[in-house]
């Protein structure tokens, strides 16, 4: 049976664990060739999937803040599978949950370097090839907190809001090349990063989620499959709230 992503060659960042891992694994199951990149070593689930699918799933180190490492990742992916026609910009870091007057310049810079510059570099790296081929799909991962306001958490919120506009700007710029760029805005998801929040913040996040629970990464992965597949051939410059209803409050 044909997969929904047959013929797709994807780079997925932040793929070691969490949403990135679930997405990389589902992409491979749906027929894509996947270059799963992360600054960390693959987690147990991704490592097992790579062992089971060596012809369609590979991992490599990538610091998304580095233009040189992005160039190397593109070269390696192209040598292994071919030129990527899908990019999932998922890598990101969290914040120290502080307000403006308490947050450090270093934490603000760190959030922008990973959550914005890293996303920018990913697109900058793959777009020339996609433009030449006149096809491609890019999905950028922001956050519901880049859309809805919440007290404190200024570094993360501001960077994720910038990621939303970066996605919109690129989407309208490259649509004439048949490159579809969309943005997914997750809510409270069970990932290593979300497990570092305080009990107070975890309680607040639950209260802000109408569905009353946090999501599993595997619940978000199908959205990325849809946006990377030809099923979404007329979907561009859109923001997809995958947040259990949080953005409605």
C-alpha atoms as a PDB file:
ATOM      1  CA  UNK A   1       0.000   0.000   0.000  1.00  0.00           C
ATOM      2  CA  UNK A   2       1.324   3.439  -0.925  1.00  0.00           C
ATOM      3  CA  UNK A   3       2.148   5.801   1.912  1.00  0.00           C
ATOM      4  CA  UNK A   4       0.874   9.330   2.146  1.00  0.00           C
ATOM      5  CA  UNK A   5       4.443  10.638   1.915  1.00  0.00           C
ATOM      6  CA  UNK A   6       5.858   8.456  -0.850  1.00  0.00           C
ATOM      7  CA  UNK A   7       8.438  10.449  -2.789  1.00  0.00           C
ATOM      8  CA  UNK A   8       9.008  12.937   0.028  1.00  0.00           C
ATOM      9  CA  UNK A   9      12.493  13.589   1.401  1.00  0.00           C
ATOM     10  CA  UNK A  10      12.308  15.380   4.723  1.00  0.00           C
ATOM     11  CA  UNK A  11      14.650  17.048   7.165  1.00  0.00           C
ATOM     12  CA  UNK A  12      13.115  17.101  10.644  1.00  0.00           C
ATOM     13  CA  UNK A  13      14.895  19.138  13.318  1.00  0.00           C
ATOM     14  CA  UNK A  14      14.635  18.637  17.043  1.00  0.00           C
ATOM     15  CA  UNK A  15      14.007  15.003  16.178  1.00  0.00           C
ATOM     16  CA  UNK A  16      15.719  13.243  19.079  1.00  0.00           C
ATOM     17  CA  UNK A  17      12.620  13.214  21.284  1.00  0.00           C
ATOM     18  CA  UNK A  18       9.139  14.654  21.637  1.00  0.00           C
ATOM     19  CA  UNK A  19       7.220  16.077  18.682  1.00  0.00           C
ATOM     20  CA  UNK A  20      10.213  15.805  16.345  1.00  0.00           C
ATOM     21  CA  UNK A  21      10.760  12.135  17.101  1.00  0.00           C
ATOM     22  CA  UNK A  22       7.074  11.267  16.691  1.00  0.00           C
ATOM     23  CA  UNK A  23       6.975  13.176  13.412  1.00  0.00           C
ATOM     24  CA  UNK A  24      10.139  11.599  11.992  1.00  0.00           C
ATOM     25  CA  UNK A  25       8.886   8.121  12.871  1.00  0.00           C
ATOM     26  CA  UNK A  26       5.448   8.668  11.352  1.00  0.00           C
ATOM     27  CA  UNK A  27       6.961  10.205   8.221  1.00  0.00           C
ATOM     28  CA  UNK A  28       9.077   7.090   7.685  1.00  0.00           C
ATOM     29  CA  UNK A  29       6.030   4.883   8.254  1.00  0.00           C
ATOM     30  CA  UNK A  30       4.159   6.899   5.610  1.00  0.00           C
ATOM     31  CA  UNK A  31       6.860   6.371   2.983  1.00  0.00           C
ATOM     32  CA  UNK A  32       9.131   9.396   3.362  1.00  0.00           C
ATOM     33  CA  UNK A  33      12.910   9.338   3.490  1.00  0.00           C
ATOM     34  CA  UNK A  34      13.740  11.160   6.710  1.00  0.00           C
ATOM     35  CA  UNK A  35      16.894  12.904   7.883  1.00  0.00           C
ATOM     36  CA  UNK A  36      16.248  13.286  11.613  1.00  0.00           C
ATOM     37  CA  UNK A  37      18.499  16.014  13.005  1.00  0.00           C
ATOM     38  CA  UNK A  38      19.140  17.178  16.549  1.00  0.00           C
ATOM     39  CA  UNK A  39      21.891  18.578  18.730  1.00  0.00           C
ATOM     40  CA  UNK A  40      21.215  15.620  21.037  1.00  0.00           C
ATOM     41  CA  UNK A  41      21.590  11.880  20.491  1.00  0.00           C
ATOM     42  CA  UNK A  42      18.418  10.072  19.334  1.00  0.00           C
ATOM     43  CA  UNK A  43      16.081   9.025  22.115  1.00  0.00           C
ATOM     44  CA  UNK A  44      15.121   5.392  22.581  1.00  0.00           C
ATOM     45  CA  UNK A  45      12.047   5.514  20.326  1.00  0.00           C
ATOM     46  CA  UNK A  46      13.841   7.205  17.439  1.00  0.00           C
ATOM     47  CA  UNK A  47      16.884   4.938  17.789  1.00  0.00           C
ATOM     48  CA  UNK A  48      14.655   1.864  17.611  1.00  0.00           C
ATOM     49  CA  UNK A  49      12.865   3.226  14.540  1.00  0.00           C
ATOM     50  CA  UNK A  50      16.179   3.922  12.794  1.00  0.00           C
ATOM     51  CA  UNK A  51      17.320   0.368  13.499  1.00  0.00           C
ATOM     52  CA  UNK A  52      14.049  -0.988  12.091  1.00  0.00           C
ATOM     53  CA  UNK A  53      14.033   1.311   9.031  1.00  0.00           C
ATOM     54  CA  UNK A  54      17.679   1.886   8.035  1.00  0.00           C
ATOM     55  CA  UNK A  55      16.744   2.606   4.430  1.00  0.00           C
ATOM     56  CA  UNK A  56      14.308   5.383   5.209  1.00  0.00           C
ATOM     57  CA  UNK A  57      15.370   6.953   8.488  1.00  0.00           C
ATOM     58  CA  UNK A  58      18.763   8.378   9.453  1.00  0.00           C
ATOM     59  CA  UNK A  59      19.880  10.670  12.243  1.00  0.00           C
ATOM     60  CA  UNK A  60      22.665  13.207  12.505  1.00  0.00           C
ATOM     61  CA  UNK A  61      23.810  16.010  14.749  1.00  0.00           C
ATOM     62  CA  UNK A  62      22.663  19.506  13.844  1.00  0.00           C
ATOM     63  CA  UNK A  63      22.979  22.724  15.805  1.00  0.00           C
ATOM     64  CA  UNK A  64      20.316  24.813  14.091  1.00  0.00           C
ATOM     65  CA  UNK A  65      22.090  28.012  15.149  1.00  0.00           C
ATOM     66  CA  UNK A  66      24.993  27.224  12.817  1.00  0.00           C
ATOM     67  CA  UNK A  67      24.805  28.082   9.119  1.00  0.00           C
ATOM     68  CA  UNK A  68      27.755  25.782   8.491  1.00  0.00           C
ATOM     69  CA  UNK A  69      26.047  22.828  10.160  1.00  0.00           C
ATOM     70  CA  UNK A  70      22.895  23.489   8.130  1.00  0.00           C
ATOM     71  CA  UNK A  71      24.947  23.396   4.933  1.00  0.00           C
ATOM     72  CA  UNK A  72      26.495  20.104   6.038  1.00  0.00           C
ATOM     73  CA  UNK A  73      23.075  18.683   6.883  1.00  0.00           C
ATOM     74  CA  UNK A  74      21.745  19.572   3.441  1.00  0.00           C
ATOM     75  CA  UNK A  75      24.759  17.966   1.793  1.00  0.00           C
ATOM     76  CA  UNK A  76      24.447  14.813   3.886  1.00  0.00           C
ATOM     77  CA  UNK A  77      20.691  14.480   3.344  1.00  0.00           C
ATOM     78  CA  UNK A  78      21.117  14.977  -0.404  1.00  0.00           C
ATOM     79  CA  UNK A  79      23.893  12.378  -0.549  1.00  0.00           C
ATOM     80  CA  UNK A  80      21.847   9.869   1.450  1.00  0.00           C
ATOM     81  CA  UNK A  81      18.331  10.308   0.077  1.00  0.00           C
ATOM     82  CA  UNK A  82      18.282  13.170  -2.412  1.00  0.00           C
ATOM     83  CA  UNK A  83      17.450  16.855  -2.187  1.00  0.00           C
ATOM     84  CA  UNK A  84      14.868  17.536   0.542  1.00  0.00           C
ATOM     85  CA  UNK A  85      11.425  18.643  -0.585  1.00  0.00           C
ATOM     86  CA  UNK A  86      10.090  18.843   2.985  1.00  0.00           C
ATOM     87  CA  UNK A  87      11.467  20.698   6.014  1.00  0.00           C
ATOM     88  CA  UNK A  88      10.018  20.437   9.503  1.00  0.00           C
ATOM     89  CA  UNK A  89      11.538  23.244  11.595  1.00  0.00           C
ATOM     90  CA  UNK A  90      10.766  21.787  15.008  1.00  0.00           C
ATOM     91  CA  UNK A  91      13.901  22.473  17.084  1.00  0.00           C
ATOM     92  CA  UNK A  92      13.301  24.837  19.959  1.00  0.00           C
ATOM     93  CA  UNK A  93      14.139  25.744  23.542  1.00  0.00           C
ATOM     94  CA  UNK A  94      12.074  26.960  26.451  1.00  0.00           C
ATOM     95  CA  UNK A  95      12.350  29.971  28.702  1.00  0.00           C
ATOM     96  CA  UNK A  96      12.939  30.706  32.343  1.00  0.00           C
ATOM     97  CA  UNK A  97       9.303  31.864  32.730  1.00  0.00           C
ATOM     98  CA  UNK A  98      10.372  35.339  33.858  1.00  0.00           C
ATOM     99  CA  UNK A  99       8.807  38.747  33.146  1.00  0.00           C
ATOM    100  CA  UNK A 100      10.598  41.512  31.253  1.00  0.00           C
ATOM    101  CA  UNK A 101      12.161  43.194  34.289  1.00  0.00           C
ATOM    102  CA  UNK A 102      13.654  39.915  35.543  1.00  0.00           C
ATOM    103  CA  UNK A 103      14.636  38.185  32.296  1.00  0.00           C
ATOM    104  CA  UNK A 104      18.262  38.219  31.175  1.00  0.00           C
ATOM    105  CA  UNK A 105      19.582  39.441  27.856  1.00  0.00           C
ATOM    106  CA  UNK A 106      21.340  36.079  27.520  1.00  0.00           C
ATOM    107  CA  UNK A 107      18.070  34.137  27.783  1.00  0.00           C
ATOM    108  CA  UNK A 108      16.353  36.446  25.297  1.00  0.00           C
ATOM    109  CA  UNK A 109      19.205  35.975  22.843  1.00  0.00           C
ATOM    110  CA  UNK A 110      19.241  32.211  23.336  1.00  0.00           C
ATOM    111  CA  UNK A 111      15.538  31.970  22.556  1.00  0.00           C
ATOM    112  CA  UNK A 112      15.887  34.015  19.393  1.00  0.00           C
ATOM    113  CA  UNK A 113      18.993  32.136  18.262  1.00  0.00           C
ATOM    114  CA  UNK A 114      17.246  28.755  18.402  1.00  0.00           C
ATOM    115  CA  UNK A 115      13.549  29.512  17.965  1.00  0.00           C
ATOM    116  CA  UNK A 116      13.912  32.186  15.262  1.00  0.00           C
ATOM    117  CA  UNK A 117      17.411  32.242  13.737  1.00  0.00           C
ATOM    118  CA  UNK A 118      17.537  28.437  13.652  1.00  0.00           C
ATOM    119  CA  UNK A 119      14.219  28.383  11.792  1.00  0.00           C
ATOM    120  CA  UNK A 120      15.408  31.131   9.438  1.00  0.00           C
ATOM    121  CA  UNK A 121      18.623  29.242   8.657  1.00  0.00           C
ATOM    122  CA  UNK A 122      16.707  26.046   7.950  1.00  0.00           C
ATOM    123  CA  UNK A 123      14.545  27.777   5.382  1.00  0.00           C
ATOM    124  CA  UNK A 124      17.476  29.730   3.936  1.00  0.00           C
ATOM    125  CA  UNK A 125      19.328  26.447   3.438  1.00  0.00           C
ATOM    126  CA  UNK A 126      16.631  24.404   1.696  1.00  0.00           C
ATOM    127  CA  UNK A 127      14.743  27.111  -0.211  1.00  0.00           C
ATOM    128  CA  UNK A 128      17.162  27.468  -3.167  1.00  0.00           C
ATOM    129  CA  UNK A 129      16.761  23.769  -4.007  1.00  0.00           C
ATOM    130  CA  UNK A 130      13.008  23.926  -3.593  1.00  0.00           C
ATOM    131  CA  UNK A 131      12.837  27.044  -5.755  1.00  0.00           C
ATOM    132  CA  UNK A 132      14.819  25.308  -8.502  1.00  0.00           C
ATOM    133  CA  UNK A 133      12.512  22.292  -8.319  1.00  0.00           C
ATOM    134  CA  UNK A 134       9.460  24.549  -7.991  1.00  0.00           C
ATOM    135  CA  UNK A 135       8.005  22.467  -5.205  1.00  0.00           C
ATOM    136  CA  UNK A 136       8.332  22.008  -1.489  1.00  0.00           C
ATOM    137  CA  UNK A 137       6.609  22.011   1.878  1.00  0.00           C
ATOM    138  CA  UNK A 138       7.941  23.668   5.018  1.00  0.00           C
ATOM    139  CA  UNK A 139       6.273  23.433   8.397  1.00  0.00           C
ATOM    140  CA  UNK A 140       7.522  25.688  11.170  1.00  0.00           C
ATOM    141  CA  UNK A 141       6.742  24.923  14.783  1.00  0.00           C
ATOM    142  CA  UNK A 142       5.856  27.928  16.916  1.00  0.00           C
ATOM    143  CA  UNK A 143       3.622  27.744  20.002  1.00  0.00           C
ATOM    144  CA  UNK A 144       0.198  28.802  21.159  1.00  0.00           C
ATOM    145  CA  UNK A 145       2.138  31.193  23.400  1.00  0.00           C
ATOM    146  CA  UNK A 146       3.370  32.926  20.267  1.00  0.00           C
ATOM    147  CA  UNK A 147      -0.281  33.717  19.523  1.00  0.00           C
ATOM    148  CA  UNK A 148      -2.009  34.158  22.885  1.00  0.00           C
ATOM    149  CA  UNK A 149      -0.648  36.265  25.708  1.00  0.00           C
ATOM    150  CA  UNK A 150       0.233  34.950  29.139  1.00  0.00           C
ATOM    151  CA  UNK A 151       2.046  36.572  32.028  1.00  0.00           C
ATOM    152  CA  UNK A 152       5.813  36.131  32.381  1.00  0.00           C
ATOM    153  CA  UNK A 153       7.668  33.788  29.974  1.00  0.00           C
ATOM    154  CA  UNK A 154       8.705  36.801  27.879  1.00  0.00           C
ATOM    155  CA  UNK A 155      11.695  35.265  26.067  1.00  0.00           C
ATOM    156  CA  UNK A 156       9.822  32.207  24.806  1.00  0.00           C
ATOM    157  CA  UNK A 157       6.620  34.061  23.920  1.00  0.00           C
ATOM    158  CA  UNK A 158       8.378  36.804  22.018  1.00  0.00           C
ATOM    159  CA  UNK A 159      10.545  34.396  20.035  1.00  0.00           C
ATOM    160  CA  UNK A 160       7.616  32.158  19.152  1.00  0.00           C
ATOM    161  CA  UNK A 161       5.588  35.186  18.032  1.00  0.00           C
ATOM    162  CA  UNK A 162       8.484  36.109  15.747  1.00  0.00           C
ATOM    163  CA  UNK A 163       8.439  32.552  14.394  1.00  0.00           C
ATOM    164  CA  UNK A 164       4.779  32.982  13.437  1.00  0.00           C
ATOM    165  CA  UNK A 165       5.507  36.121  11.427  1.00  0.00           C
ATOM    166  CA  UNK A 166       8.657  34.622   9.907  1.00  0.00           C
ATOM    167  CA  UNK A 167       6.501  31.764   8.644  1.00  0.00           C
ATOM    168  CA  UNK A 168       3.852  34.085   7.236  1.00  0.00           C
ATOM    169  CA  UNK A 169       6.434  36.275   5.509  1.00  0.00           C
ATOM    170  CA  UNK A 170       8.170  33.304   3.903  1.00  0.00           C
ATOM    171  CA  UNK A 171       4.856  31.709   2.933  1.00  0.00           C
ATOM    172  CA  UNK A 172       3.684  34.648   0.843  1.00  0.00           C
ATOM    173  CA  UNK A 173       7.166  35.199  -0.594  1.00  0.00           C
ATOM    174  CA  UNK A 174       7.720  31.663  -1.860  1.00  0.00           C
ATOM    175  CA  UNK A 175       4.193  30.575  -2.756  1.00  0.00           C
ATOM    176  CA  UNK A 176       4.793  31.561  -6.424  1.00  0.00           C
ATOM    177  CA  UNK A 177       7.424  28.794  -6.507  1.00  0.00           C
ATOM    178  CA  UNK A 178       4.831  26.229  -5.383  1.00  0.00           C
ATOM    179  CA  UNK A 179       6.492  26.086  -1.975  1.00  0.00           C
ATOM    180  CA  UNK A 180       3.901  25.805   0.771  1.00  0.00           C
ATOM    181  CA  UNK A 181       4.928  27.146   4.164  1.00  0.00           C
ATOM    182  CA  UNK A 182       2.678  26.710   7.178  1.00  0.00           C
ATOM    183  CA  UNK A 183       2.992  27.040  10.927  1.00  0.00           C
ATOM    184  CA  UNK A 184       1.872  24.661  13.691  1.00  0.00           C
ATOM    185  CA  UNK A 185       1.254  26.121  17.139  1.00  0.00           C
ATOM    186  CA  UNK A 186       1.195  23.381  19.787  1.00  0.00           C
ATOM    187  CA  UNK A 187      -0.225  23.778  23.243  1.00  0.00           C
ATOM    188  CA  UNK A 188       0.666  21.667  26.268  1.00  0.00           C
ATOM    189  CA  UNK A 189       2.417  18.547  24.964  1.00  0.00           C
ATOM    190  CA  UNK A 190       4.190  15.837  26.954  1.00  0.00           C
ATOM    191  CA  UNK A 191       7.794  16.472  25.890  1.00  0.00           C
ATOM    192  CA  UNK A 192      11.088  16.606  27.801  1.00  0.00           C
ATOM    193  CA  UNK A 193      10.916  20.405  27.685  1.00  0.00           C
ATOM    194  CA  UNK A 194       7.368  20.598  29.064  1.00  0.00           C
ATOM    195  CA  UNK A 195       8.258  18.254  31.924  1.00  0.00           C
ATOM    196  CA  UNK A 196      10.609  20.899  33.315  1.00  0.00           C
ATOM    197  CA  UNK A 197       7.800  23.305  34.193  1.00  0.00           C
ATOM    198  CA  UNK A 198       6.909  23.853  37.823  1.00  0.00           C
ATOM    199  CA  UNK A 199       3.889  22.179  39.376  1.00  0.00           C
ATOM    200  CA  UNK A 200       2.215  25.583  39.499  1.00  0.00           C
ATOM    201  CA  UNK A 201       2.765  26.149  35.784  1.00  0.00           C
ATOM    202  CA  UNK A 202       1.619  22.618  34.953  1.00  0.00           C
ATOM    203  CA  UNK A 203      -1.615  23.248  36.842  1.00  0.00           C
ATOM    204  CA  UNK A 204      -2.080  26.541  35.014  1.00  0.00           C
ATOM    205  CA  UNK A 205      -1.516  24.888  31.627  1.00  0.00           C
ATOM    206  CA  UNK A 206      -4.120  22.248  32.411  1.00  0.00           C
ATOM    207  CA  UNK A 207      -6.598  24.945  33.418  1.00  0.00           C
ATOM    208  CA  UNK A 208      -5.926  26.789  30.150  1.00  0.00           C
ATOM    209  CA  UNK A 209      -6.591  23.666  28.061  1.00  0.00           C
ATOM    210  CA  UNK A 210     -10.320  23.043  27.459  1.00  0.00           C
ATOM    211  CA  UNK A 211      -9.682  19.368  26.696  1.00  0.00           C
ATOM    212  CA  UNK A 212      -8.282  19.139  30.226  1.00  0.00           C
ATOM    213  CA  UNK A 213      -5.088  17.226  29.511  1.00  0.00           C
ATOM    214  CA  UNK A 214      -1.761  17.523  27.759  1.00  0.00           C
ATOM    215  CA  UNK A 215      -1.212  15.924  24.375  1.00  0.00           C
ATOM    216  CA  UNK A 216       1.099  13.088  23.462  1.00  0.00           C
ATOM    217  CA  UNK A 217       3.619  13.906  20.691  1.00  0.00           C
ATOM    218  CA  UNK A 218       2.037  11.201  18.548  1.00  0.00           C
ATOM    219  CA  UNK A 219      -1.197  13.221  18.525  1.00  0.00           C
ATOM    220  CA  UNK A 220       0.551  16.107  16.773  1.00  0.00           C
ATOM    221  CA  UNK A 221       2.530  14.109  14.207  1.00  0.00           C
ATOM    222  CA  UNK A 222      -0.457  13.489  11.862  1.00  0.00           C
ATOM    223  CA  UNK A 223      -0.817  17.255  11.366  1.00  0.00           C
ATOM    224  CA  UNK A 224       2.721  17.365  10.001  1.00  0.00           C
ATOM    225  CA  UNK A 225       2.014  14.430   7.696  1.00  0.00           C
ATOM    226  CA  UNK A 226      -0.985  16.277   6.269  1.00  0.00           C
ATOM    227  CA  UNK A 227       0.940  19.520   5.753  1.00  0.00           C
ATOM    228  CA  UNK A 228       3.887  17.723   4.136  1.00  0.00           C
ATOM    229  CA  UNK A 229       1.695  15.615   1.870  1.00  0.00           C
ATOM    230  CA  UNK A 230       0.009  16.444  -1.422  1.00  0.00           C
ATOM    231  CA  UNK A 231      -3.309  16.313   0.448  1.00  0.00           C
ATOM    232  CA  UNK A 232      -2.619  19.895   1.553  1.00  0.00           C
ATOM    233  CA  UNK A 233      -1.712  21.115  -1.944  1.00  0.00           C
ATOM    234  CA  UNK A 234      -3.766  24.328  -1.543  1.00  0.00           C
ATOM    235  CA  UNK A 235      -2.810  25.043   2.064  1.00  0.00           C
ATOM    236  CA  UNK A 236      -0.289  27.850   2.549  1.00  0.00           C
ATOM    237  CA  UNK A 237       0.475  30.674   5.007  1.00  0.00           C
ATOM    238  CA  UNK A 238      -1.827  29.092   7.587  1.00  0.00           C
ATOM    239  CA  UNK A 239      -1.516  28.775  11.348  1.00  0.00           C
ATOM    240  CA  UNK A 240      -2.703  25.476  12.813  1.00  0.00           C
ATOM    241  CA  UNK A 241      -3.592  25.525  16.500  1.00  0.00           C
ATOM    242  CA  UNK A 242      -2.889  22.076  17.871  1.00  0.00           C
ATOM    243  CA  UNK A 243      -3.556  23.102  21.436  1.00  0.00           C
ATOM    244  CA  UNK A 244      -6.592  21.331  22.861  1.00  0.00           C
ATOM    245  CA  UNK A 245      -8.608  24.537  22.551  1.00  0.00           C
ATOM    246  CA  UNK A 246      -6.212  26.716  24.541  1.00  0.00           C
ATOM    247  CA  UNK A 247      -6.132  29.558  22.002  1.00  0.00           C
ATOM    248  CA  UNK A 248      -9.909  29.981  22.220  1.00  0.00           C
ATOM    249  CA  UNK A 249      -9.771  31.216  25.800  1.00  0.00           C
END
